[in-house]
Amino acid sequence: MRVFILGGTGSIGTAIVRELRSRSHDVVALCRSEVSEEKIRNLGAIPYRGDMRAPEAWVNDAIDHDAIIQTAATFTEDMGDIDARVVSALLHASANATKTRRLLYTGGCWLYGKTGDEVATEGWPFNPLPAFAWMVSHAEKLLRAEFLSTAVIHPAMVYSEDGGVFEEFIDAARGGRTIEIWGSPDTRWPIIHRSDLARAYCDLLERHDLTGHFNAGAEQGVRVSDIVKTLADRHGNTLEPSILGVEGLAERHGDWAKGPTLDQQMSSHKLRQATGWEPKTGDYRLSDLLA
């Protein structure tokens, strides 16, 4: 399969590119710089120079591929507007294509909002943070597109051998500093290792008949306090964590900072049943992160 990926140099994207190449798919990745191009070449893929902010320059070449994966986000104040231009360009280009193209679009667990003791499935109503509400409307537009076979993946909080979502915890623990917990230590996070997430993307990509929303998580809800203690113990850090309030975080970092404070649990039963996907790392304490 010939696959065009947006966000191929990010933490999730590089894992997806690596997994696609291991399955002998041909991969082309959008790149904004020479550094990104070199990174993509080292992964065995082909770089394509272009910018998310100017999709008209590359969208027709992208739509000529068998499949497109969108994992990119600028995390700037205008990221919703940038994604809107990408989505609009994809819809226009696909309408003029000669056959249906496979598309994977990335949402996220934060779109479900706080779930507490309930477990979010794909039938759970969306209650996104305002900073990410655009993802819901953009996903629905792509799902309705006549010439796109679209699946929307909602990843859990993603960690990796380099840290990922745990990176700040690890840096503080390793450096002998106080670890900061945003919100409450009782907050639960659904989590997944990025290599397992990459396999989920690829398993779903190869099933053109599967459309709609799919959650991807290995552990449905792990308390942040347990994660912090595990990482602190691993690095011999005995300092008590510092708890930071939600409102102060939003004032300092913006509305997106409320995301890590959401008490969430999320099921990936639908993905497992539909594709046979199973995480290889079902317990972060046994991952390469702590090796």
C-alpha atoms as a PDB file:
ATOM      1  CA  MET A   1       0.000   0.000   0.000  1.00  0.00           C
ATOM      2  CA  ARG A   2       1.188   3.549  -0.762  1.00  0.00           C
ATOM      3  CA  VAL A   3       0.647   5.711   2.312  1.00  0.00           C
ATOM      4  CA  PHE A   4       0.963   9.486   2.738  1.00  0.00           C
ATOM      5  CA  ILE A   5       1.372  10.599   6.361  1.00  0.00           C
ATOM      6  CA  LEU A   6       1.063  13.990   8.023  1.00  0.00           C
ATOM      7  CA  GLY A   7       2.978  14.280  11.280  1.00  0.00           C
ATOM      8  CA  GLY A   8       5.382  11.499  10.390  1.00  0.00           C
ATOM      9  CA  THR A   9       8.272  13.053  12.341  1.00  0.00           C
ATOM     10  CA  GLY A  10       6.388  13.362  15.629  1.00  0.00           C
ATOM     11  CA  SER A  11       6.571  10.882  18.496  1.00  0.00           C
ATOM     12  CA  ILE A  12       3.502   8.942  17.338  1.00  0.00           C
ATOM     13  CA  GLY A  13       4.191   9.488  13.649  1.00  0.00           C
ATOM     14  CA  THR A  14       7.703   8.049  13.689  1.00  0.00           C
ATOM     15  CA  ALA A  15       6.411   4.889  15.353  1.00  0.00           C
ATOM     16  CA  ILE A  16       3.696   4.596  12.698  1.00  0.00           C
ATOM     17  CA  VAL A  17       6.184   5.097   9.851  1.00  0.00           C
ATOM     18  CA  ARG A  18       8.453   2.460  11.353  1.00  0.00           C
ATOM     19  CA  GLU A  19       5.559   0.003  11.691  1.00  0.00           C
ATOM     20  CA  LEU A  20       4.314   0.681   8.150  1.00  0.00           C
ATOM     21  CA  ARG A  21       7.762   0.042   6.716  1.00  0.00           C
ATOM     22  CA  SER A  22       8.061  -3.192   8.705  1.00  0.00           C
ATOM     23  CA  ARG A  23       4.915  -4.312   6.880  1.00  0.00           C
ATOM     24  CA  SER A  24       6.442  -3.386   3.500  1.00  0.00           C
ATOM     25  CA  HIS A  25       4.158  -0.429   2.819  1.00  0.00           C
ATOM     26  CA  ASP A  26       5.590   2.453   0.789  1.00  0.00           C
ATOM     27  CA  VAL A  27       5.486   5.610   2.904  1.00  0.00           C
ATOM     28  CA  VAL A  28       5.714   9.279   1.947  1.00  0.00           C
ATOM     29  CA  ALA A  29       5.782  11.835   4.773  1.00  0.00           C
ATOM     30  CA  LEU A  30       5.148  15.568   4.679  1.00  0.00           C
ATOM     31  CA  CYS A  31       8.222  17.467   5.930  1.00  0.00           C
ATOM     32  CA  ARG A  32       8.862  21.147   6.582  1.00  0.00           C
ATOM     33  CA  SER A  33      12.646  21.093   6.958  1.00  0.00           C
ATOM     34  CA  GLU A  34      15.833  19.336   5.947  1.00  0.00           C
ATOM     35  CA  VAL A  35      16.118  17.938   9.466  1.00  0.00           C
ATOM     36  CA  SER A  36      12.680  16.346   9.127  1.00  0.00           C
ATOM     37  CA  GLU A  37      13.529  15.011   5.699  1.00  0.00           C
ATOM     38  CA  GLU A  38      16.644  13.314   7.038  1.00  0.00           C
ATOM     39  CA  LYS A  39      14.664  11.792   9.894  1.00  0.00           C
ATOM     40  CA  ILE A  40      12.135  10.346   7.451  1.00  0.00           C
ATOM     41  CA  ARG A  41      14.848   8.937   5.189  1.00  0.00           C
ATOM     42  CA  ASN A  42      16.438   7.231   8.185  1.00  0.00           C
ATOM     43  CA  LEU A  43      13.107   5.520   8.836  1.00  0.00           C
ATOM     44  CA  GLY A  44      13.107   4.123   5.305  1.00  0.00           C
ATOM     45  CA  ALA A  45      10.399   6.450   4.000  1.00  0.00           C
ATOM     46  CA  ILE A  46      10.317   9.202   1.364  1.00  0.00           C
ATOM     47  CA  PRO A  47      10.133  12.857   2.451  1.00  0.00           C
ATOM     48  CA  TYR A  48       7.806  15.302   0.708  1.00  0.00           C
ATOM     49  CA  ARG A  49       8.597  18.971   1.310  1.00  0.00           C
ATOM     50  CA  GLY A  50       5.500  20.896   2.271  1.00  0.00           C
ATOM     51  CA  ASP A  51       3.650  22.727   5.023  1.00  0.00           C
ATOM     52  CA  MET A  52       0.416  21.935   6.847  1.00  0.00           C
ATOM     53  CA  ARG A  53      -0.513  25.599   6.473  1.00  0.00           C
ATOM     54  CA  ALA A  54      -0.501  25.356   2.674  1.00  0.00           C
ATOM     55  CA  PRO A  55      -2.249  22.071   1.816  1.00  0.00           C
ATOM     56  CA  GLU A  56      -3.134  23.166  -1.696  1.00  0.00           C
ATOM     57  CA  ALA A  57       0.534  22.642  -2.622  1.00  0.00           C
ATOM     58  CA  TRP A  58       0.568  18.925  -1.741  1.00  0.00           C
ATOM     59  CA  VAL A  59      -2.981  17.636  -1.332  1.00  0.00           C
ATOM     60  CA  ASN A  60      -3.400  16.360  -4.907  1.00  0.00           C
ATOM     61  CA  ASP A  61      -0.228  14.288  -4.601  1.00  0.00           C
ATOM     62  CA  ALA A  62      -1.398  13.029  -1.213  1.00  0.00           C
ATOM     63  CA  ILE A  63      -4.769  11.925  -2.531  1.00  0.00           C
ATOM     64  CA  ASP A  64      -3.040   9.921  -5.282  1.00  0.00           C
ATOM     65  CA  HIS A  65      -1.844   7.513  -2.597  1.00  0.00           C
ATOM     66  CA  ASP A  66      -3.869   4.526  -1.451  1.00  0.00           C
ATOM     67  CA  ALA A  67      -4.163   5.876   2.077  1.00  0.00           C
ATOM     68  CA  ILE A  68      -3.575   9.023   4.118  1.00  0.00           C
ATOM     69  CA  ILE A  69      -2.848   9.229   7.837  1.00  0.00           C
ATOM     70  CA  GLN A  70      -3.315  12.515   9.704  1.00  0.00           C
ATOM     71  CA  THR A  71      -1.431  12.602  13.020  1.00  0.00           C
ATOM     72  CA  ALA A  72      -0.185  16.185  12.803  1.00  0.00           C
ATOM     73  CA  ALA A  73      -1.071  19.113  15.045  1.00  0.00           C
ATOM     74  CA  THR A  74       0.811  22.383  15.380  1.00  0.00           C
ATOM     75  CA  PHE A  75      -0.239  23.002  19.024  1.00  0.00           C
ATOM     76  CA  THR A  76      -0.393  26.704  18.233  1.00  0.00           C
ATOM     77  CA  GLU A  77      -3.361  28.960  18.919  1.00  0.00           C
ATOM     78  CA  ASP A  78      -4.486  28.561  15.310  1.00  0.00           C
ATOM     79  CA  MET A  79      -4.103  24.765  15.175  1.00  0.00           C
ATOM     80  CA  GLY A  80      -7.839  24.303  14.629  1.00  0.00           C
ATOM     81  CA  ASP A  81      -7.808  26.685  11.673  1.00  0.00           C
ATOM     82  CA  ILE A  82      -4.778  24.935  10.186  1.00  0.00           C
ATOM     83  CA  ASP A  83      -6.447  21.549  10.495  1.00  0.00           C
ATOM     84  CA  ALA A  84      -9.630  22.985   8.971  1.00  0.00           C
ATOM     85  CA  ARG A  85      -7.660  23.962   5.864  1.00  0.00           C
ATOM     86  CA  VAL A  86      -6.174  20.471   5.651  1.00  0.00           C
ATOM     87  CA  VAL A  87      -9.578  18.827   6.044  1.00  0.00           C
ATOM     88  CA  SER A  88     -11.171  21.124   3.464  1.00  0.00           C
ATOM     89  CA  ALA A  89      -8.369  20.390   0.988  1.00  0.00           C
ATOM     90  CA  LEU A  90      -8.694  16.633   1.514  1.00  0.00           C
ATOM     91  CA  LEU A  91     -12.455  16.757   1.020  1.00  0.00           C
ATOM     92  CA  HIS A  92     -12.115  18.764  -2.198  1.00  0.00           C
ATOM     93  CA  ALA A  93      -9.336  16.575  -3.601  1.00  0.00           C
ATOM     94  CA  SER A  94     -11.095  13.313  -2.720  1.00  0.00           C
ATOM     95  CA  ALA A  95     -14.273  14.456  -4.470  1.00  0.00           C
ATOM     96  CA  ASN A  96     -12.277  14.668  -7.710  1.00  0.00           C
ATOM     97  CA  ALA A  97     -10.456  11.356  -7.216  1.00  0.00           C
ATOM     98  CA  THR A  98     -11.123   8.299  -9.346  1.00  0.00           C
ATOM     99  CA  LYS A  99     -11.527   5.897  -6.442  1.00  0.00           C
ATOM    100  CA  THR A 100     -12.149   5.856  -2.711  1.00  0.00           C
ATOM    101  CA  ARG A 101      -9.104   6.493  -0.547  1.00  0.00           C
ATOM    102  CA  ARG A 102      -8.455   5.179   2.963  1.00  0.00           C
ATOM    103  CA  LEU A 103      -8.060   7.890   5.611  1.00  0.00           C
ATOM    104  CA  LEU A 104      -7.117   7.693   9.278  1.00  0.00           C
ATOM    105  CA  TYR A 105      -7.771  10.837  11.298  1.00  0.00           C
ATOM    106  CA  THR A 106      -6.525  11.367  14.855  1.00  0.00           C
ATOM    107  CA  GLY A 107      -8.762  12.486  17.696  1.00  0.00           C
ATOM    108  CA  GLY A 108      -7.944  11.725  21.307  1.00  0.00           C
ATOM    109  CA  CYS A 109      -9.186  10.601  24.703  1.00  0.00           C
ATOM    110  CA  TRP A 110      -9.593  14.211  25.877  1.00  0.00           C
ATOM    111  CA  LEU A 111     -12.530  14.597  23.475  1.00  0.00           C
ATOM    112  CA  TYR A 112     -14.630  12.503  25.873  1.00  0.00           C
ATOM    113  CA  GLY A 113     -14.111  14.831  28.802  1.00  0.00           C
ATOM    114  CA  LYS A 114     -14.200  13.591  32.376  1.00  0.00           C
ATOM    115  CA  THR A 115     -15.613  10.049  32.719  1.00  0.00           C
ATOM    116  CA  GLY A 116     -14.910   9.350  36.393  1.00  0.00           C
ATOM    117  CA  ASP A 117     -15.975   5.834  37.350  1.00  0.00           C
ATOM    118  CA  GLU A 118     -17.597   5.286  33.953  1.00  0.00           C
ATOM    119  CA  VAL A 119     -15.624   3.867  31.022  1.00  0.00           C
ATOM    120  CA  ALA A 120     -15.833   5.727  27.720  1.00  0.00           C
ATOM    121  CA  THR A 121     -16.646   3.640  24.674  1.00  0.00           C
ATOM    122  CA  GLU A 122     -17.115   4.936  21.137  1.00  0.00           C
ATOM    123  CA  GLY A 123     -20.766   5.544  22.039  1.00  0.00           C
ATOM    124  CA  TRP A 124     -19.841   7.943  24.837  1.00  0.00           C
ATOM    125  CA  PRO A 125     -20.975  11.519  24.006  1.00  0.00           C
ATOM    126  CA  PHE A 126     -18.150  13.862  23.150  1.00  0.00           C
ATOM    127  CA  ASN A 127     -17.480  16.620  25.667  1.00  0.00           C
ATOM    128  CA  PRO A 128     -14.219  18.130  24.411  1.00  0.00           C
ATOM    129  CA  LEU A 129     -12.144  20.893  25.905  1.00  0.00           C
ATOM    130  CA  PRO A 130     -12.823  24.090  23.908  1.00  0.00           C
ATOM    131  CA  ALA A 131      -9.229  24.065  22.641  1.00  0.00           C
ATOM    132  CA  PHE A 132      -9.880  20.737  20.855  1.00  0.00           C
ATOM    133  CA  ALA A 133     -13.578  20.924  19.982  1.00  0.00           C
ATOM    134  CA  TRP A 134     -12.708  21.400  16.315  1.00  0.00           C
ATOM    135  CA  MET A 135     -11.456  17.793  16.156  1.00  0.00           C
ATOM    136  CA  VAL A 136     -15.001  16.500  16.601  1.00  0.00           C
ATOM    137  CA  SER A 137     -16.515  18.547  13.769  1.00  0.00           C
ATOM    138  CA  HIS A 138     -13.589  17.871  11.436  1.00  0.00           C
ATOM    139  CA  ALA A 139     -13.814  14.132  12.086  1.00  0.00           C
ATOM    140  CA  GLU A 140     -17.527  14.119  11.294  1.00  0.00           C
ATOM    141  CA  LYS A 141     -16.937  15.913   7.990  1.00  0.00           C
ATOM    142  CA  LEU A 142     -14.370  13.318   6.972  1.00  0.00           C
ATOM    143  CA  LEU A 143     -16.602  10.430   8.048  1.00  0.00           C
ATOM    144  CA  ARG A 144     -19.389  11.763   5.825  1.00  0.00           C
ATOM    145  CA  ALA A 145     -17.145  12.183   2.767  1.00  0.00           C
ATOM    146  CA  GLU A 146     -18.364   9.990  -0.092  1.00  0.00           C
ATOM    147  CA  PHE A 147     -14.939   9.161  -1.547  1.00  0.00           C
ATOM    148  CA  LEU A 148     -13.069   8.642   1.718  1.00  0.00           C
ATOM    149  CA  SER A 149     -13.118   5.468   3.797  1.00  0.00           C
ATOM    150  CA  THR A 150     -12.477   7.175   7.125  1.00  0.00           C
ATOM    151  CA  ALA A 151     -11.643   5.797  10.546  1.00  0.00           C
ATOM    152  CA  VAL A 152     -11.032   8.128  13.483  1.00  0.00           C
ATOM    153  CA  ILE A 153      -8.586   6.891  16.118  1.00  0.00           C
ATOM    154  CA  HIS A 154      -8.783   8.185  19.671  1.00  0.00           C
ATOM    155  CA  PRO A 155      -5.459   7.396  21.356  1.00  0.00           C
ATOM    156  CA  ALA A 156      -5.133   7.126  25.101  1.00  0.00           C
ATOM    157  CA  MET A 157      -2.310   9.085  26.761  1.00  0.00           C
ATOM    158  CA  VAL A 158       0.799   7.958  24.900  1.00  0.00           C
ATOM    159  CA  TYR A 159       4.068   7.032  26.562  1.00  0.00           C
ATOM    160  CA  SER A 160       7.232   5.636  25.003  1.00  0.00           C
ATOM    161  CA  GLU A 161      10.692   4.366  25.802  1.00  0.00           C
ATOM    162  CA  ASP A 162      11.726   8.045  25.802  1.00  0.00           C
ATOM    163  CA  GLY A 163       8.972   9.108  28.194  1.00  0.00           C
ATOM    164  CA  GLY A 164       6.195  10.570  26.091  1.00  0.00           C
ATOM    165  CA  VAL A 165       3.402  11.770  28.383  1.00  0.00           C
ATOM    166  CA  PHE A 166       5.546  10.683  31.363  1.00  0.00           C
ATOM    167  CA  GLU A 167       8.557  12.743  30.265  1.00  0.00           C
ATOM    168  CA  GLU A 168       8.214  15.581  32.788  1.00  0.00           C
ATOM    169  CA  PHE A 169       7.663  13.110  35.627  1.00  0.00           C
ATOM    170  CA  ILE A 170      10.816  11.244  34.636  1.00  0.00           C
ATOM    171  CA  ASP A 171      12.930  14.383  34.202  1.00  0.00           C
ATOM    172  CA  ALA A 172      11.958  15.603  37.666  1.00  0.00           C
ATOM    173  CA  ALA A 173      12.453  12.184  39.271  1.00  0.00           C
ATOM    174  CA  ARG A 174      15.839  11.695  37.643  1.00  0.00           C
ATOM    175  CA  GLY A 175      16.948  15.228  38.464  1.00  0.00           C
ATOM    176  CA  GLY A 176      16.025  14.999  42.141  1.00  0.00           C
ATOM    177  CA  ARG A 177      13.301  17.626  41.788  1.00  0.00           C
ATOM    178  CA  THR A 178       9.723  17.643  43.055  1.00  0.00           C
ATOM    179  CA  ILE A 179       7.346  15.964  40.593  1.00  0.00           C
ATOM    180  CA  GLU A 180       4.319  18.068  39.669  1.00  0.00           C
ATOM    181  CA  ILE A 181       0.880  16.474  39.452  1.00  0.00           C
ATOM    182  CA  TRP A 182      -1.663  18.554  37.587  1.00  0.00           C
ATOM    183  CA  GLY A 183      -5.118  18.531  39.163  1.00  0.00           C
ATOM    184  CA  SER A 184      -5.502  15.592  41.522  1.00  0.00           C
ATOM    185  CA  PRO A 185      -3.354  12.550  42.360  1.00  0.00           C
ATOM    186  CA  ASP A 186      -6.534  10.462  42.080  1.00  0.00           C
ATOM    187  CA  THR A 187      -6.931  11.371  38.399  1.00  0.00           C
ATOM    188  CA  ARG A 188      -6.915   8.322  36.133  1.00  0.00           C
ATOM    189  CA  TRP A 189      -5.348   8.230  32.681  1.00  0.00           C
ATOM    190  CA  PRO A 190      -6.016   5.676  29.947  1.00  0.00           C
ATOM    191  CA  ILE A 191      -2.532   4.925  28.598  1.00  0.00           C
ATOM    192  CA  ILE A 192      -0.795   3.167  25.709  1.00  0.00           C
ATOM    193  CA  HIS A 193       2.785   2.629  24.539  1.00  0.00           C
ATOM    194  CA  ARG A 194       3.435   4.339  21.224  1.00  0.00           C
ATOM    195  CA  SER A 195       4.594   1.111  19.541  1.00  0.00           C
ATOM    196  CA  ASP A 196       1.250  -0.513  20.398  1.00  0.00           C
ATOM    197  CA  LEU A 197      -0.562   2.575  19.128  1.00  0.00           C
ATOM    198  CA  ALA A 198       1.393   2.380  15.852  1.00  0.00           C
ATOM    199  CA  ARG A 199       0.279  -1.229  15.441  1.00  0.00           C
ATOM    200  CA  ALA A 200      -3.314  -0.157  16.065  1.00  0.00           C
ATOM    201  CA  TYR A 201      -3.077   2.477  13.324  1.00  0.00           C
ATOM    202  CA  CYS A 202      -1.636  -0.006  10.859  1.00  0.00           C
ATOM    203  CA  ASP A 203      -4.091  -2.794  11.706  1.00  0.00           C
ATOM    204  CA  LEU A 204      -6.972  -0.387  11.173  1.00  0.00           C
ATOM    205  CA  LEU A 205      -5.442   1.128   8.040  1.00  0.00           C
ATOM    206  CA  GLU A 206      -5.354  -2.265   6.370  1.00  0.00           C
ATOM    207  CA  ARG A 207      -9.061  -2.840   6.976  1.00  0.00           C
ATOM    208  CA  HIS A 208     -10.758  -0.522   4.497  1.00  0.00           C
ATOM    209  CA  ASP A 209     -14.154  -1.849   5.524  1.00  0.00           C
ATOM    210  CA  LEU A 210     -13.837  -0.466   9.055  1.00  0.00           C
ATOM    211  CA  THR A 211     -15.037   3.109   9.388  1.00  0.00           C
ATOM    212  CA  GLY A 212     -16.175   5.251  12.298  1.00  0.00           C
ATOM    213  CA  HIS A 213     -14.604   5.937  15.686  1.00  0.00           C
ATOM    214  CA  PHE A 214     -12.104   3.598  17.395  1.00  0.00           C
ATOM    215  CA  ASN A 215     -10.488   4.036  20.811  1.00  0.00           C
ATOM    216  CA  ALA A 216      -6.903   2.830  21.243  1.00  0.00           C
ATOM    217  CA  GLY A 217      -5.673   2.190  24.777  1.00  0.00           C
ATOM    218  CA  ALA A 218      -3.791  -0.587  26.553  1.00  0.00           C
ATOM    219  CA  GLU A 219      -4.783   0.250  30.151  1.00  0.00           C
ATOM    220  CA  GLN A 220      -8.205   1.794  30.600  1.00  0.00           C
ATOM    221  CA  GLY A 221      -7.405   3.960  33.647  1.00  0.00           C
ATOM    222  CA  VAL A 222      -4.259   4.206  35.804  1.00  0.00           C
ATOM    223  CA  ARG A 223      -4.042   6.659  38.690  1.00  0.00           C
ATOM    224  CA  VAL A 224      -1.514   9.418  38.145  1.00  0.00           C
ATOM    225  CA  SER A 225      -0.304   9.035  41.741  1.00  0.00           C
ATOM    226  CA  ASP A 226       0.595   5.401  41.030  1.00  0.00           C
ATOM    227  CA  ILE A 227       2.485   6.379  37.875  1.00  0.00           C
ATOM    228  CA  VAL A 228       4.393   9.089  39.730  1.00  0.00           C
ATOM    229  CA  LYS A 229       5.304   6.753  42.601  1.00  0.00           C
ATOM    230  CA  THR A 230       6.522   4.077  40.199  1.00  0.00           C
ATOM    231  CA  LEU A 231       8.741   6.531  38.349  1.00  0.00           C
ATOM    232  CA  ALA A 232       9.980   8.210  41.528  1.00  0.00           C
ATOM    233  CA  ASP A 233      10.917   4.847  43.052  1.00  0.00           C
ATOM    234  CA  ARG A 234      12.672   3.847  39.849  1.00  0.00           C
ATOM    235  CA  HIS A 235      14.949   6.891  40.093  1.00  0.00           C
ATOM    236  CA  GLY A 236      15.299   6.988  43.871  1.00  0.00           C
ATOM    237  CA  ASN A 237      13.339  10.216  44.278  1.00  0.00           C
ATOM    238  CA  THR A 238      11.757  10.419  47.760  1.00  0.00           C
ATOM    239  CA  LEU A 239      10.290  13.935  47.529  1.00  0.00           C
ATOM    240  CA  GLU A 240       6.542  14.361  47.953  1.00  0.00           C
ATOM    241  CA  PRO A 241       4.826  15.392  44.694  1.00  0.00           C
ATOM    242  CA  SER A 242       3.475  18.922  44.307  1.00  0.00           C
ATOM    243  CA  ILE A 243      -0.232  19.206  43.402  1.00  0.00           C
ATOM    244  CA  LEU A 244      -1.089  22.076  41.049  1.00  0.00           C
ATOM    245  CA  GLY A 245      -4.648  23.407  40.783  1.00  0.00           C
ATOM    246  CA  VAL A 246      -6.584  23.292  37.524  1.00  0.00           C
ATOM    247  CA  GLU A 247      -7.422  26.983  37.250  1.00  0.00           C
ATOM    248  CA  GLY A 248      -3.858  28.108  37.812  1.00  0.00           C
ATOM    249  CA  LEU A 249      -2.656  25.694  35.145  1.00  0.00           C
ATOM    250  CA  ALA A 250      -5.151  27.044  32.607  1.00  0.00           C
ATOM    251  CA  GLU A 251      -4.046  30.602  33.323  1.00  0.00           C
ATOM    252  CA  ARG A 252      -0.385  29.681  32.854  1.00  0.00           C
ATOM    253  CA  HIS A 253      -0.589  27.299  29.899  1.00  0.00           C
ATOM    254  CA  GLY A 254      -3.978  27.796  28.248  1.00  0.00           C
ATOM    255  CA  ASP A 255      -7.152  25.730  28.141  1.00  0.00           C
ATOM    256  CA  TRP A 256      -5.383  22.631  26.821  1.00  0.00           C
ATOM    257  CA  ALA A 257      -3.691  22.224  30.226  1.00  0.00           C
ATOM    258  CA  LYS A 258      -6.995  20.967  31.633  1.00  0.00           C
ATOM    259  CA  GLY A 259      -6.531  17.795  29.565  1.00  0.00           C
ATOM    260  CA  PRO A 260      -4.111  16.001  31.916  1.00  0.00           C
ATOM    261  CA  THR A 261      -6.406  16.842  34.849  1.00  0.00           C
ATOM    262  CA  LEU A 262      -9.364  14.907  33.391  1.00  0.00           C
ATOM    263  CA  ASP A 263     -10.241  11.789  35.386  1.00  0.00           C
ATOM    264  CA  GLN A 264     -10.799   9.313  32.559  1.00  0.00           C
ATOM    265  CA  GLN A 265     -11.229   5.661  31.752  1.00  0.00           C
ATOM    266  CA  MET A 266     -11.518   4.445  28.166  1.00  0.00           C
ATOM    267  CA  SER A 267     -12.216   1.083  26.543  1.00  0.00           C
ATOM    268  CA  SER A 268     -10.633  -0.169  23.313  1.00  0.00           C
ATOM    269  CA  HIS A 269     -12.884  -3.254  23.073  1.00  0.00           C
ATOM    270  CA  LYS A 270     -14.285  -2.218  19.681  1.00  0.00           C
ATOM    271  CA  LEU A 271     -10.822  -1.984  18.107  1.00  0.00           C
ATOM    272  CA  ARG A 272      -9.754  -5.320  19.574  1.00  0.00           C
ATOM    273  CA  GLN A 273     -12.876  -7.088  18.354  1.00  0.00           C
ATOM    274  CA  ALA A 274     -12.788  -5.533  14.885  1.00  0.00           C
ATOM    275  CA  THR A 275      -9.107  -6.029  14.063  1.00  0.00           C
ATOM    276  CA  GLY A 276      -7.725  -8.573  16.532  1.00  0.00           C
ATOM    277  CA  TRP A 277      -5.298  -5.952  17.815  1.00  0.00           C
ATOM    278  CA  GLU A 278      -3.872  -6.562  21.266  1.00  0.00           C
ATOM    279  CA  PRO A 279      -1.240  -4.445  23.051  1.00  0.00           C
ATOM    280  CA  LYS A 280       2.122  -6.078  23.581  1.00  0.00           C
ATOM    281  CA  THR A 281       2.643  -3.875  26.643  1.00  0.00           C
ATOM    282  CA  GLY A 282      -0.407  -4.233  28.838  1.00  0.00           C
ATOM    283  CA  ASP A 283       1.300  -2.843  31.939  1.00  0.00           C
ATOM    284  CA  TYR A 284       3.500   0.249  31.767  1.00  0.00           C
ATOM    285  CA  ARG A 285       5.507  -1.051  34.736  1.00  0.00           C
ATOM    286  CA  LEU A 286       6.784  -3.854  32.503  1.00  0.00           C
ATOM    287  CA  SER A 287       7.619  -1.611  29.531  1.00  0.00           C
ATOM    288  CA  ASP A 288      10.961  -0.534  28.084  1.00  0.00           C
ATOM    289  CA  LEU A 289      10.362   2.782  29.819  1.00  0.00           C
ATOM    290  CA  LEU A 290      11.465   1.184  33.092  1.00  0.00           C
ATOM    291  CA  ALA A 291      14.022  -1.240  31.680  1.00  0.00           C
END
